[in-house]
Structure formats: structure tokens, C-alpha cells
């Protein structure tokens, strides 16, 4: 069955960096369009970034453009989200997504 397992979250100071990972299994990862979402406390889940199966096409929410980078390693069946210049408003649970499938998320807290 499809499994998505996020990792790499934690507490980071404003201006800091984190890299999230999503280990995928149970499907053909290399041909799958993938997404990162996030949900901040009291807010709706929002789309953060997307990437095509080959990794050649990416999109970003305006709020993270220029600071976050989505990437993938198809040999390792792993999706990444490199987050730089983090802001307190980036605090959220971050989720890996493939169509109707979701991971359990990893919490990112940006605070001094």
C-alpha cells in the first residue's frame, strides 16, 4: 500500500534552515507528481510546492518562493523540501502528498 513518511521537522530560529524528507513506498515514485502541503495552527491546509515525476518542473506558493526548494531522488524514493530564511509564519505541520494519500506530517516550529 502507499506509504508516505515525513521527517526532518523541529525547532529552528528565524532565519534558519531545515530540510524535510518524505520516504515513499508502495507505488512507482519516479512517475508520480508530488506535493508538499502545510497546516498552521487554526488555519486551513495550504499547498506549498509541487514537483513532476522527473523533477524537471516545480511550482511554489508565493509565500515561500525564493526561500524553499522542492526536489526528489527517484533512486531513493524520497521527496525533499529545503527551507531557508525561515519565518515564524512558516510554523506548521508539513505533509507529503500524492493524490489522495497523505503522510502523518512533521512539525516545523520557527521561534526564537
PDB file of N, CA and C in Angstrom:
ATOM      1  N   UNK A   1       0.849  -1.189   0.000  1.00  0.00           N
ATOM      2  CA  UNK A   1       0.000   0.000   0.000  1.00  0.00           C
ATOM      3  C   UNK A   1       0.884   1.238   0.000  1.00  0.00           C
ATOM      4  N   UNK A   2       0.286   2.347  -0.395  1.00  0.00           N
ATOM      5  CA  UNK A   2       1.021   3.603  -0.441  1.00  0.00           C
ATOM      6  C   UNK A   2       1.380   4.053   0.978  1.00  0.00           C
ATOM      7  N   UNK A   3       2.645   4.384   1.162  1.00  0.00           N
ATOM      8  CA  UNK A   3       3.102   4.942   2.439  1.00  0.00           C
ATOM      9  C   UNK A   3       3.956   6.166   2.177  1.00  0.00           C
ATOM     10  N   UNK A   4       3.706   7.204   2.946  1.00  0.00           N
ATOM     11  CA  UNK A   4       4.476   8.443   2.883  1.00  0.00           C
ATOM     12  C   UNK A   4       4.875   8.789   4.315  1.00  0.00           C
ATOM     13  N   UNK A   5       6.158   8.888   4.568  1.00  0.00           N
ATOM     14  CA  UNK A   5       6.648   9.136   5.923  1.00  0.00           C
ATOM     15  C   UNK A   5       7.559  10.354   5.922  1.00  0.00           C
ATOM     16  N   UNK A   6       7.084  11.426   6.542  1.00  0.00           N
ATOM     17  CA  UNK A   6       7.857  12.657   6.611  1.00  0.00           C
ATOM     18  C   UNK A   6       8.802  12.641   7.806  1.00  0.00           C
ATOM     19  N   UNK A   7       9.903  13.372   7.669  1.00  0.00           N
ATOM     20  CA  UNK A   7      10.849  13.528   8.766  1.00  0.00           C
ATOM     21  C   UNK A   7      11.624  14.823   8.567  1.00  0.00           C
ATOM     22  N   UNK A   8      12.343  15.228   9.606  1.00  0.00           N
ATOM     23  CA  UNK A   8      13.215  16.389   9.489  1.00  0.00           C
ATOM     24  C   UNK A   8      12.705  17.652  10.139  1.00  0.00           C
ATOM     25  N   UNK A   9      11.489  17.626  10.667  1.00  0.00           N
ATOM     26  CA  UNK A   9      10.978  18.809  11.334  1.00  0.00           C
ATOM     27  C   UNK A   9      11.674  19.059  12.648  1.00  0.00           C
ATOM     28  N   UNK A  10      11.389  20.212  13.237  1.00  0.00           N
ATOM     29  CA  UNK A  10      11.985  20.553  14.517  1.00  0.00           C
ATOM     30  C   UNK A  10      11.834  22.020  14.825  1.00  0.00           C
ATOM     31  N   UNK A  11      12.557  22.451  15.846  1.00  0.00           N
ATOM     32  CA  UNK A  11      12.543  23.849  16.261  1.00  0.00           C
ATOM     33  C   UNK A  11      13.745  24.553  15.651  1.00  0.00           C
ATOM     34  N   UNK A  12      13.493  25.683  15.023  1.00  0.00           N
ATOM     35  CA  UNK A  12      14.570  26.440  14.394  1.00  0.00           C
ATOM     36  C   UNK A  12      14.330  27.928  14.630  1.00  0.00           C
ATOM     37  N   UNK A  13      15.409  28.687  14.732  1.00  0.00           N
ATOM     38  CA  UNK A  13      15.283  30.127  14.936  1.00  0.00           C
ATOM     39  C   UNK A  13      14.930  30.824  13.627  1.00  0.00           C
ATOM     40  N   UNK A  14      14.288  31.983  13.718  1.00  0.00           N
ATOM     41  CA  UNK A  14      14.024  32.761  12.497  1.00  0.00           C
ATOM     42  C   UNK A  14      15.314  32.999  11.720  1.00  0.00           C
ATOM     43  N   UNK A  15      15.221  32.830  10.401  1.00  0.00           N
ATOM     44  CA  UNK A  15      16.395  32.960   9.552  1.00  0.00           C
ATOM     45  C   UNK A  15      17.142  31.664   9.327  1.00  0.00           C
ATOM     46  N   UNK A  16      16.763  30.645  10.061  1.00  0.00           N
ATOM     47  CA  UNK A  16      17.438  29.358   9.955  1.00  0.00           C
ATOM     48  C   UNK A  16      16.929  28.512   8.809  1.00  0.00           C
ATOM     49  N   UNK A  17      17.479  27.302   8.733  1.00  0.00           N
ATOM     50  CA  UNK A  17      17.151  26.384   7.648  1.00  0.00           C
ATOM     51  C   UNK A  17      16.810  24.999   8.182  1.00  0.00           C
ATOM     52  N   UNK A  18      15.996  24.301   7.427  1.00  0.00           N
ATOM     53  CA  UNK A  18      15.676  22.897   7.689  1.00  0.00           C
ATOM     54  C   UNK A  18      15.446  22.210   6.362  1.00  0.00           C
ATOM     55  N   UNK A  19      15.719  20.914   6.334  1.00  0.00           N
ATOM     56  CA  UNK A  19      15.382  20.119   5.166  1.00  0.00           C
ATOM     57  C   UNK A  19      14.449  18.993   5.595  1.00  0.00           C
ATOM     58  N   UNK A  20      13.278  18.958   5.005  1.00  0.00           N
ATOM     59  CA  UNK A  20      12.320  17.898   5.252  1.00  0.00           C
ATOM     60  C   UNK A  20      12.501  16.788   4.223  1.00  0.00           C
ATOM     61  N   UNK A  21      12.225  15.574   4.649  1.00  0.00           N
ATOM     62  CA  UNK A  21      12.269  14.423   3.760  1.00  0.00           C
ATOM     63  C   UNK A  21      10.944  13.687   3.824  1.00  0.00           C
ATOM     64  N   UNK A  22      10.610  13.005   2.740  1.00  0.00           N
ATOM     65  CA  UNK A  22       9.412  12.171   2.683  1.00  0.00           C
ATOM     66  C   UNK A  22       9.808  10.868   2.001  1.00  0.00           C
ATOM     67  N   UNK A  23       9.812   9.791   2.770  1.00  0.00           N
ATOM     68  CA  UNK A  23      10.137   8.471   2.228  1.00  0.00           C
ATOM     69  C   UNK A  23       8.862   7.848   1.682  1.00  0.00           C
ATOM     70  N   UNK A  24       8.897   7.481   0.409  1.00  0.00           N
ATOM     71  CA  UNK A  24       7.709   6.964  -0.267  1.00  0.00           C
ATOM     72  C   UNK A  24       7.860   5.487  -0.589  1.00  0.00           C
ATOM     73  N   UNK A  25       6.759   4.759  -0.518  1.00  0.00           N
ATOM     74  CA  UNK A  25       6.769   3.341  -0.879  1.00  0.00           C
ATOM     75  C   UNK A  25       5.370   2.914  -1.297  1.00  0.00           C
ATOM     76  N   UNK A  26       5.301   1.768  -2.002  1.00  0.00           N
ATOM     77  CA  UNK A  26       4.010   1.215  -2.381  1.00  0.00           C
ATOM     78  C   UNK A  26       3.475   1.694  -3.718  1.00  0.00           C
ATOM     79  N   UNK A  27       4.288   2.488  -4.446  1.00  0.00           N
ATOM     80  CA  UNK A  27       3.859   2.962  -5.758  1.00  0.00           C
ATOM     81  C   UNK A  27       5.103   3.328  -6.561  1.00  0.00           C
ATOM     82  N   UNK A  28       4.891   3.614  -7.837  1.00  0.00           N
ATOM     83  CA  UNK A  28       6.012   3.974  -8.710  1.00  0.00           C
ATOM     84  C   UNK A  28       6.347   5.434  -8.490  1.00  0.00           C
ATOM     85  N   UNK A  29       7.280   5.673  -7.608  1.00  0.00           N
ATOM     86  CA  UNK A  29       7.598   7.043  -7.186  1.00  0.00           C
ATOM     87  C   UNK A  29       8.093   7.891  -8.352  1.00  0.00           C
ATOM     88  N   UNK A  30       8.920   7.310  -9.199  1.00  0.00           N
ATOM     89  CA  UNK A  30       9.580   8.095 -10.250  1.00  0.00           C
ATOM     90  C   UNK A  30       8.620   8.677 -11.270  1.00  0.00           C
ATOM     91  N   UNK A  31       7.403   8.157 -11.338  1.00  0.00           N
ATOM     92  CA  UNK A  31       6.436   8.684 -12.299  1.00  0.00           C
ATOM     93  C   UNK A  31       5.316   9.455 -11.616  1.00  0.00           C
ATOM     94  N   UNK A  32       5.503   9.747 -10.343  1.00  0.00           N
ATOM     95  CA  UNK A  32       4.440  10.369  -9.557  1.00  0.00           C
ATOM     96  C   UNK A  32       4.666  11.847  -9.313  1.00  0.00           C
ATOM     97  N   UNK A  33       3.642  12.630  -9.586  1.00  0.00           N
ATOM     98  CA  UNK A  33       3.611  14.050  -9.252  1.00  0.00           C
ATOM     99  C   UNK A  33       3.444  14.138  -7.740  1.00  0.00           C
ATOM    100  N   UNK A  34       4.276  14.923  -7.107  1.00  0.00           N
ATOM    101  CA  UNK A  34       4.266  15.000  -5.647  1.00  0.00           C
ATOM    102  C   UNK A  34       4.084  16.435  -5.166  1.00  0.00           C
ATOM    103  N   UNK A  35       3.567  16.559  -3.966  1.00  0.00           N
ATOM    104  CA  UNK A  35       3.303  17.877  -3.379  1.00  0.00           C
ATOM    105  C   UNK A  35       3.730  17.920  -1.923  1.00  0.00           C
ATOM    106  N   UNK A  36       4.094  19.101  -1.470  1.00  0.00           N
ATOM    107  CA  UNK A  36       4.236  19.412  -0.048  1.00  0.00           C
ATOM    108  C   UNK A  36       3.114  20.395   0.314  1.00  0.00           C
ATOM    109  N   UNK A  37       2.429  20.092   1.409  1.00  0.00           N
ATOM    110  CA  UNK A  37       1.431  20.980   1.987  1.00  0.00           C
ATOM    111  C   UNK A  37       1.882  21.331   3.399  1.00  0.00           C
ATOM    112  N   UNK A  38       1.236  22.336   3.962  1.00  0.00           N
ATOM    113  CA  UNK A  38       1.434  22.645   5.374  1.00  0.00           C
ATOM    114  C   UNK A  38       0.119  23.138   5.970  1.00  0.00           C
ATOM    115  N   UNK A  39       0.034  22.942   7.291  1.00  0.00           N
ATOM    116  CA  UNK A  39      -1.129  23.426   8.022  1.00  0.00           C
ATOM    117  C   UNK A  39      -0.675  24.066   9.312  1.00  0.00           C
ATOM    118  N   UNK A  40      -0.897  25.359   9.406  1.00  0.00           N
ATOM    119  CA  UNK A  40      -0.551  26.111  10.607  1.00  0.00           C
ATOM    120  C   UNK A  40      -1.693  25.997  11.610  1.00  0.00           C
ATOM    121  N   UNK A  41      -1.400  26.201  12.879  1.00  0.00           N
ATOM    122  CA  UNK A  41      -2.447  26.112  13.907  1.00  0.00           C
ATOM    123  C   UNK A  41      -3.618  27.030  13.595  1.00  0.00           C
ATOM    124  N   UNK A  42      -4.821  26.475  13.583  1.00  0.00           N
ATOM    125  CA  UNK A  42      -6.016  27.267  13.359  1.00  0.00           C
ATOM    126  C   UNK A  42      -6.260  27.682  11.931  1.00  0.00           C
ATOM    127  N   UNK A  43      -5.453  27.166  11.007  1.00  0.00           N
ATOM    128  CA  UNK A  43      -5.601  27.554   9.606  1.00  0.00           C
ATOM    129  C   UNK A  43      -5.855  26.326   8.731  1.00  0.00           C
ATOM    130  N   UNK A  44      -6.309  26.583   7.509  1.00  0.00           N
ATOM    131  CA  UNK A  44      -6.532  25.505   6.567  1.00  0.00           C
ATOM    132  C   UNK A  44      -5.202  25.023   5.983  1.00  0.00           C
ATOM    133  N   UNK A  45      -5.219  23.780   5.533  1.00  0.00           N
ATOM    134  CA  UNK A  45      -4.030  23.235   4.887  1.00  0.00           C
ATOM    135  C   UNK A  45      -3.790  23.979   3.583  1.00  0.00           C
ATOM    136  N   UNK A  46      -2.513  24.322   3.321  1.00  0.00           N
ATOM    137  CA  UNK A  46      -2.203  25.048   2.091  1.00  0.00           C
ATOM    138  C   UNK A  46      -1.108  24.350   1.302  1.00  0.00           C
ATOM    139  N   UNK A  47      -1.193  24.478  -0.004  1.00  0.00           N
ATOM    140  CA  UNK A  47      -0.190  23.907  -0.884  1.00  0.00           C
ATOM    141  C   UNK A  47       1.076  24.746  -0.831  1.00  0.00           C
ATOM    142  N   UNK A  48       2.216  24.090  -0.646  1.00  0.00           N
ATOM    143  CA  UNK A  48       3.496  24.789  -0.536  1.00  0.00           C
ATOM    144  C   UNK A  48       4.295  24.677  -1.829  1.00  0.00           C
ATOM    145  N   UNK A  49       4.416  23.448  -2.346  1.00  0.00           N
ATOM    146  CA  UNK A  49       5.243  23.233  -3.538  1.00  0.00           C
ATOM    147  C   UNK A  49       4.843  21.943  -4.219  1.00  0.00           C
ATOM    148  N   UNK A  50       5.106  21.889  -5.534  1.00  0.00           N
ATOM    149  CA  UNK A  50       4.840  20.679  -6.315  1.00  0.00           C
ATOM    150  C   UNK A  50       6.050  20.351  -7.179  1.00  0.00           C
ATOM    151  N   UNK A  51       6.123  19.080  -7.589  1.00  0.00           N
ATOM    152  CA  UNK A  51       7.230  18.657  -8.446  1.00  0.00           C
ATOM    153  C   UNK A  51       6.759  17.519  -9.347  1.00  0.00           C
ATOM    154  N   UNK A  52       7.179  17.554 -10.609  1.00  0.00           N
ATOM    155  CA  UNK A  52       6.836  16.477 -11.545  1.00  0.00           C
ATOM    156  C   UNK A  52       7.672  15.234 -11.258  1.00  0.00           C
ATOM    157  N   UNK A  53       7.312  14.141 -11.913  1.00  0.00           N
ATOM    158  CA  UNK A  53       7.985  12.881 -11.670  1.00  0.00           C
ATOM    159  C   UNK A  53       9.479  12.896 -11.946  1.00  0.00           C
ATOM    160  N   UNK A  54       9.847  13.614 -12.995  1.00  0.00           N
ATOM    161  CA  UNK A  54      11.272  13.700 -13.344  1.00  0.00           C
ATOM    162  C   UNK A  54      12.009  14.732 -12.519  1.00  0.00           C
ATOM    163  N   UNK A  55      11.258  15.581 -11.858  1.00  0.00           N
ATOM    164  CA  UNK A  55      11.876  16.682 -11.110  1.00  0.00           C
ATOM    165  C   UNK A  55      12.128  17.909 -11.950  1.00  0.00           C
ATOM    166  N   UNK A  56      11.752  17.842 -13.230  1.00  0.00           N
ATOM    167  CA  UNK A  56      12.039  18.950 -14.130  1.00  0.00           C
ATOM    168  C   UNK A  56      11.094  20.123 -14.010  1.00  0.00           C
ATOM    169  N   UNK A  57       9.967  19.927 -13.357  1.00  0.00           N
ATOM    170  CA  UNK A  57       9.003  21.002 -13.206  1.00  0.00           C
ATOM    171  C   UNK A  57       8.609  21.182 -11.753  1.00  0.00           C
ATOM    172  N   UNK A  58       8.696  22.410 -11.285  1.00  0.00           N
ATOM    173  CA  UNK A  58       8.345  22.708  -9.895  1.00  0.00           C
ATOM    174  C   UNK A  58       7.493  23.973  -9.839  1.00  0.00           C
ATOM    175  N   UNK A  59       6.670  24.062  -8.805  1.00  0.00           N
ATOM    176  CA  UNK A  59       5.910  25.277  -8.537  1.00  0.00           C
ATOM    177  C   UNK A  59       5.948  25.549  -7.040  1.00  0.00           C
ATOM    178  N   UNK A  60       5.730  26.813  -6.678  1.00  0.00           N
ATOM    179  CA  UNK A  60       5.788  27.223  -5.279  1.00  0.00           C
ATOM    180  C   UNK A  60       4.682  28.213  -4.947  1.00  0.00           C
ATOM    181  N   UNK A  61       4.232  28.147  -3.719  1.00  0.00           N
ATOM    182  CA  UNK A  61       3.347  29.185  -3.218  1.00  0.00           C
ATOM    183  C   UNK A  61       4.124  30.494  -3.157  1.00  0.00           C
ATOM    184  N   UNK A  62       3.419  31.597  -3.383  1.00  0.00           N
ATOM    185  CA  UNK A  62       4.092  32.901  -3.353  1.00  0.00           C
ATOM    186  C   UNK A  62       4.775  33.144  -2.013  1.00  0.00           C
ATOM    187  N   UNK A  63       4.196  32.616  -0.954  1.00  0.00           N
ATOM    188  CA  UNK A  63       4.722  32.875   0.391  1.00  0.00           C
ATOM    189  C   UNK A  63       6.082  32.223   0.636  1.00  0.00           C
ATOM    190  N   UNK A  64       6.458  31.233  -0.183  1.00  0.00           N
ATOM    191  CA  UNK A  64       7.728  30.532   0.043  1.00  0.00           C
ATOM    192  C   UNK A  64       8.682  30.659  -1.136  1.00  0.00           C
ATOM    193  N   UNK A  65       8.233  31.278  -2.220  1.00  0.00           N
ATOM    194  CA  UNK A  65       9.051  31.385  -3.425  1.00  0.00           C
ATOM    195  C   UNK A  65      10.358  32.107  -3.122  1.00  0.00           C
ATOM    196  N   UNK A  66      11.457  31.510  -3.581  1.00  0.00           N
ATOM    197  CA  UNK A  66      12.768  32.096  -3.330  1.00  0.00           C
ATOM    198  C   UNK A  66      13.401  31.657  -2.031  1.00  0.00           C
ATOM    199  N   UNK A  67      12.625  31.002  -1.175  1.00  0.00           N
ATOM    200  CA  UNK A  67      13.166  30.534   0.124  1.00  0.00           C
ATOM    201  C   UNK A  67      13.152  29.012   0.224  1.00  0.00           C
ATOM    202  N   UNK A  68      12.164  28.379  -0.373  1.00  0.00           N
ATOM    203  CA  UNK A  68      12.025  26.914  -0.297  1.00  0.00           C
ATOM    204  C   UNK A  68      12.372  26.297  -1.650  1.00  0.00           C
ATOM    205  N   UNK A  69      12.902  25.073  -1.598  1.00  0.00           N
ATOM    206  CA  UNK A  69      13.203  24.320  -2.810  1.00  0.00           C
ATOM    207  C   UNK A  69      12.708  22.883  -2.658  1.00  0.00           C
ATOM    208  N   UNK A  70      11.850  22.470  -3.579  1.00  0.00           N
ATOM    209  CA  UNK A  70      11.383  21.093  -3.591  1.00  0.00           C
ATOM    210  C   UNK A  70      12.272  20.299  -4.545  1.00  0.00           C
ATOM    211  N   UNK A  71      12.591  19.081  -4.155  1.00  0.00           N
ATOM    212  CA  UNK A  71      13.415  18.223  -5.007  1.00  0.00           C
ATOM    213  C   UNK A  71      13.087  16.767  -4.700  1.00  0.00           C
ATOM    214  N   UNK A  72      13.667  15.876  -5.497  1.00  0.00           N
ATOM    215  CA  UNK A  72      13.402  14.458  -5.291  1.00  0.00           C
ATOM    216  C   UNK A  72      14.612  13.643  -5.725  1.00  0.00           C
ATOM    217  N   UNK A  73      14.738  12.472  -5.107  1.00  0.00           N
ATOM    218  CA  UNK A  73      15.744  11.497  -5.508  1.00  0.00           C
ATOM    219  C   UNK A  73      14.979  10.220  -5.852  1.00  0.00           C
ATOM    220  N   UNK A  74      14.770   9.986  -7.120  1.00  0.00           N
ATOM    221  CA  UNK A  74      13.956   8.846  -7.528  1.00  0.00           C
ATOM    222  C   UNK A  74      14.654   7.507  -7.256  1.00  0.00           C
ATOM    223  N   UNK A  75      15.963   7.525  -7.174  1.00  0.00           N
ATOM    224  CA  UNK A  75      16.682   6.293  -6.833  1.00  0.00           C
ATOM    225  C   UNK A  75      16.436   5.894  -5.380  1.00  0.00           C
ATOM    226  N   UNK A  76      16.144   6.883  -4.542  1.00  0.00           N
ATOM    227  CA  UNK A  76      15.909   6.632  -3.118  1.00  0.00           C
ATOM    228  C   UNK A  76      14.437   6.712  -2.746  1.00  0.00           C
ATOM    229  N   UNK A  77      13.575   6.953  -3.734  1.00  0.00           N
ATOM    230  CA  UNK A  77      12.134   7.102  -3.466  1.00  0.00           C
ATOM    231  C   UNK A  77      11.878   8.131  -2.373  1.00  0.00           C
ATOM    232  N   UNK A  78      12.550   9.262  -2.478  1.00  0.00           N
ATOM    233  CA  UNK A  78      12.471  10.272  -1.426  1.00  0.00           C
ATOM    234  C   UNK A  78      12.227  11.655  -2.016  1.00  0.00           C
ATOM    235  N   UNK A  79      11.315  12.364  -1.368  1.00  0.00           N
ATOM    236  CA  UNK A  79      10.973  13.742  -1.704  1.00  0.00           C
ATOM    237  C   UNK A  79      11.572  14.647  -0.640  1.00  0.00           C
ATOM    238  N   UNK A  80      12.029  15.834  -1.039  1.00  0.00           N
ATOM    239  CA  UNK A  80      12.658  16.771  -0.102  1.00  0.00           C
ATOM    240  C   UNK A  80      12.018  18.144  -0.177  1.00  0.00           C
ATOM    241  N   UNK A  81      12.163  18.886   0.908  1.00  0.00           N
ATOM    242  CA  UNK A  81      11.817  20.304   0.918  1.00  0.00           C
ATOM    243  C   UNK A  81      12.897  21.019   1.704  1.00  0.00           C
ATOM    244  N   UNK A  82      13.739  21.745   0.977  1.00  0.00           N
ATOM    245  CA  UNK A  82      14.772  22.561   1.603  1.00  0.00           C
ATOM    246  C   UNK A  82      14.158  23.912   1.936  1.00  0.00           C
ATOM    247  N   UNK A  83      14.221  24.290   3.200  1.00  0.00           N
ATOM    248  CA  UNK A  83      13.604  25.532   3.666  1.00  0.00           C
ATOM    249  C   UNK A  83      14.672  26.445   4.242  1.00  0.00           C
ATOM    250  N   UNK A  84      14.835  27.602   3.634  1.00  0.00           N
ATOM    251  CA  UNK A  84      15.807  28.592   4.088  1.00  0.00           C
ATOM    252  C   UNK A  84      15.105  29.871   4.524  1.00  0.00           C
ATOM    253  N   UNK A  85      15.826  30.708   5.222  1.00  0.00           N
ATOM    254  CA  UNK A  85      15.297  32.007   5.682  1.00  0.00           C
ATOM    255  C   UNK A  85      13.930  31.836   6.327  1.00  0.00           C
ATOM    256  N   UNK A  86      13.847  30.892   7.222  1.00  0.00           N
ATOM    257  CA  UNK A  86      12.563  30.567   7.835  1.00  0.00           C
ATOM    258  C   UNK A  86      12.033  31.718   8.680  1.00  0.00           C
ATOM    259  N   UNK A  87      10.700  31.851   8.656  1.00  0.00           N
ATOM    260  CA  UNK A  87      10.000  32.902   9.376  1.00  0.00           C
ATOM    261  C   UNK A  87       9.041  32.264  10.376  1.00  0.00           C
ATOM    262  N   UNK A  88       8.658  32.995  11.410  1.00  0.00           N
ATOM    263  CA  UNK A  88       7.689  32.433  12.362  1.00  0.00           C
ATOM    264  C   UNK A  88       6.395  31.975  11.676  1.00  0.00           C
ATOM    265  N   UNK A  89       6.006  32.655  10.613  1.00  0.00           N
ATOM    266  CA  UNK A  89       4.771  32.267   9.917  1.00  0.00           C
ATOM    267  C   UNK A  89       4.919  30.979   9.105  1.00  0.00           C
ATOM    268  N   UNK A  90       6.118  30.441   9.039  1.00  0.00           N
ATOM    269  CA  UNK A  90       6.307  29.129   8.417  1.00  0.00           C
ATOM    270  C   UNK A  90       6.010  27.993   9.395  1.00  0.00           C
ATOM    271  N   UNK A  91       5.759  28.322  10.650  1.00  0.00           N
ATOM    272  CA  UNK A  91       5.430  27.305  11.641  1.00  0.00           C
ATOM    273  C   UNK A  91       4.163  26.563  11.228  1.00  0.00           C
ATOM    274  N   UNK A  92       4.279  25.250  11.123  1.00  0.00           N
ATOM    275  CA  UNK A  92       3.159  24.428  10.645  1.00  0.00           C
ATOM    276  C   UNK A  92       3.553  22.959  10.701  1.00  0.00           C
ATOM    277  N   UNK A  93       2.556  22.113  10.521  1.00  0.00           N
ATOM    278  CA  UNK A  93       2.823  20.711  10.235  1.00  0.00           C
ATOM    279  C   UNK A  93       2.917  20.581   8.718  1.00  0.00           C
ATOM    280  N   UNK A  94       4.007  19.977   8.260  1.00  0.00           N
ATOM    281  CA  UNK A  94       4.261  19.832   6.830  1.00  0.00           C
ATOM    282  C   UNK A  94       3.957  18.404   6.406  1.00  0.00           C
ATOM    283  N   UNK A  95       3.212  18.289   5.301  1.00  0.00           N
ATOM    284  CA  UNK A  95       2.748  16.995   4.816  1.00  0.00           C
ATOM    285  C   UNK A  95       3.224  16.742   3.390  1.00  0.00           C
ATOM    286  N   UNK A  96       3.576  15.512   3.155  1.00  0.00           N
ATOM    287  CA  UNK A  96       3.894  14.999   1.827  1.00  0.00           C
ATOM    288  C   UNK A  96       2.594  14.438   1.240  1.00  0.00           C
ATOM    289  N   UNK A  97       2.395  14.652  -0.059  1.00  0.00           N
ATOM    290  CA  UNK A  97       1.136  14.223  -0.670  1.00  0.00           C
ATOM    291  C   UNK A  97       1.317  13.649  -2.057  1.00  0.00           C
ATOM    292  N   UNK A  98       0.584  12.575  -2.309  1.00  0.00           N
ATOM    293  CA  UNK A  98       0.426  12.025  -3.644  1.00  0.00           C
ATOM    294  C   UNK A  98      -1.066  11.757  -3.834  1.00  0.00           C
ATOM    295  N   UNK A  99      -1.702  12.547  -4.604  1.00  0.00           N
ATOM    296  CA  UNK A  99      -3.135  12.417  -4.901  1.00  0.00           C
ATOM    297  C   UNK A  99      -3.921  12.322  -3.589  1.00  0.00           C
ATOM    298  N   UNK A 100      -4.575  11.186  -3.325  1.00  0.00           N
ATOM    299  CA  UNK A 100      -5.418  11.071  -2.129  1.00  0.00           C
ATOM    300  C   UNK A 100      -4.638  10.596  -0.910  1.00  0.00           C
ATOM    301  N   UNK A 101      -3.331  10.395  -1.071  1.00  0.00           N
ATOM    302  CA  UNK A 101      -2.523   9.827   0.004  1.00  0.00           C
ATOM    303  C   UNK A 101      -1.710  10.909   0.724  1.00  0.00           C
ATOM    304  N   UNK A 102      -1.684  10.784   2.044  1.00  0.00           N
ATOM    305  CA  UNK A 102      -1.002  11.746   2.894  1.00  0.00           C
ATOM    306  C   UNK A 102      -0.114  11.026   3.904  1.00  0.00           C
ATOM    307  N   UNK A 103       0.992  11.673   4.247  1.00  0.00           N
ATOM    308  CA  UNK A 103       1.764  11.214   5.380  1.00  0.00           C
ATOM    309  C   UNK A 103       1.154  11.759   6.659  1.00  0.00           C
ATOM    310  N   UNK A 104       1.787  11.448   7.802  1.00  0.00           N
ATOM    311  CA  UNK A 104       1.275  11.938   9.084  1.00  0.00           C
ATOM    312  C   UNK A 104       1.780  13.329   9.407  1.00  0.00           C
ATOM    313  N   UNK A 105       2.766  13.772   8.652  1.00  0.00           N
ATOM    314  CA  UNK A 105       3.272  15.124   8.826  1.00  0.00           C
ATOM    315  C   UNK A 105       4.449  15.216   9.770  1.00  0.00           C
ATOM    316  N   UNK A 106       5.169  16.325   9.649  1.00  0.00           N
ATOM    317  CA  UNK A 106       6.282  16.623  10.546  1.00  0.00           C
ATOM    318  C   UNK A 106       6.168  18.089  10.946  1.00  0.00           C
ATOM    319  N   UNK A 107       6.344  18.361  12.228  1.00  0.00           N
ATOM    320  CA  UNK A 107       6.122  19.700  12.763  1.00  0.00           C
ATOM    321  C   UNK A 107       7.380  20.556  12.626  1.00  0.00           C
ATOM    322  N   UNK A 108       7.185  21.731  12.063  1.00  0.00           N
ATOM    323  CA  UNK A 108       8.247  22.743  11.979  1.00  0.00           C
ATOM    324  C   UNK A 108       7.816  23.928  12.824  1.00  0.00           C
ATOM    325  N   UNK A 109       8.663  24.292  13.774  1.00  0.00           N
ATOM    326  CA  UNK A 109       8.397  25.434  14.629  1.00  0.00           C
ATOM    327  C   UNK A 109       9.526  26.439  14.458  1.00  0.00           C
ATOM    328  N   UNK A 110       9.159  27.654  14.055  1.00  0.00           N
ATOM    329  CA  UNK A 110      10.151  28.718  13.864  1.00  0.00           C
ATOM    330  C   UNK A 110       9.937  29.742  14.962  1.00  0.00           C
ATOM    331  N   UNK A 111      10.879  29.790  15.876  1.00  0.00           N
ATOM    332  CA  UNK A 111      10.726  30.657  17.037  1.00  0.00           C
ATOM    333  C   UNK A 111      12.082  30.934  17.653  1.00  0.00           C
ATOM    334  N   UNK A 112      12.189  32.126  18.238  1.00  0.00           N
ATOM    335  CA  UNK A 112      13.422  32.464  18.953  1.00  0.00           C
ATOM    336  C   UNK A 112      13.274  32.157  20.438  1.00  0.00           C
TER     337      UNK A 112
END
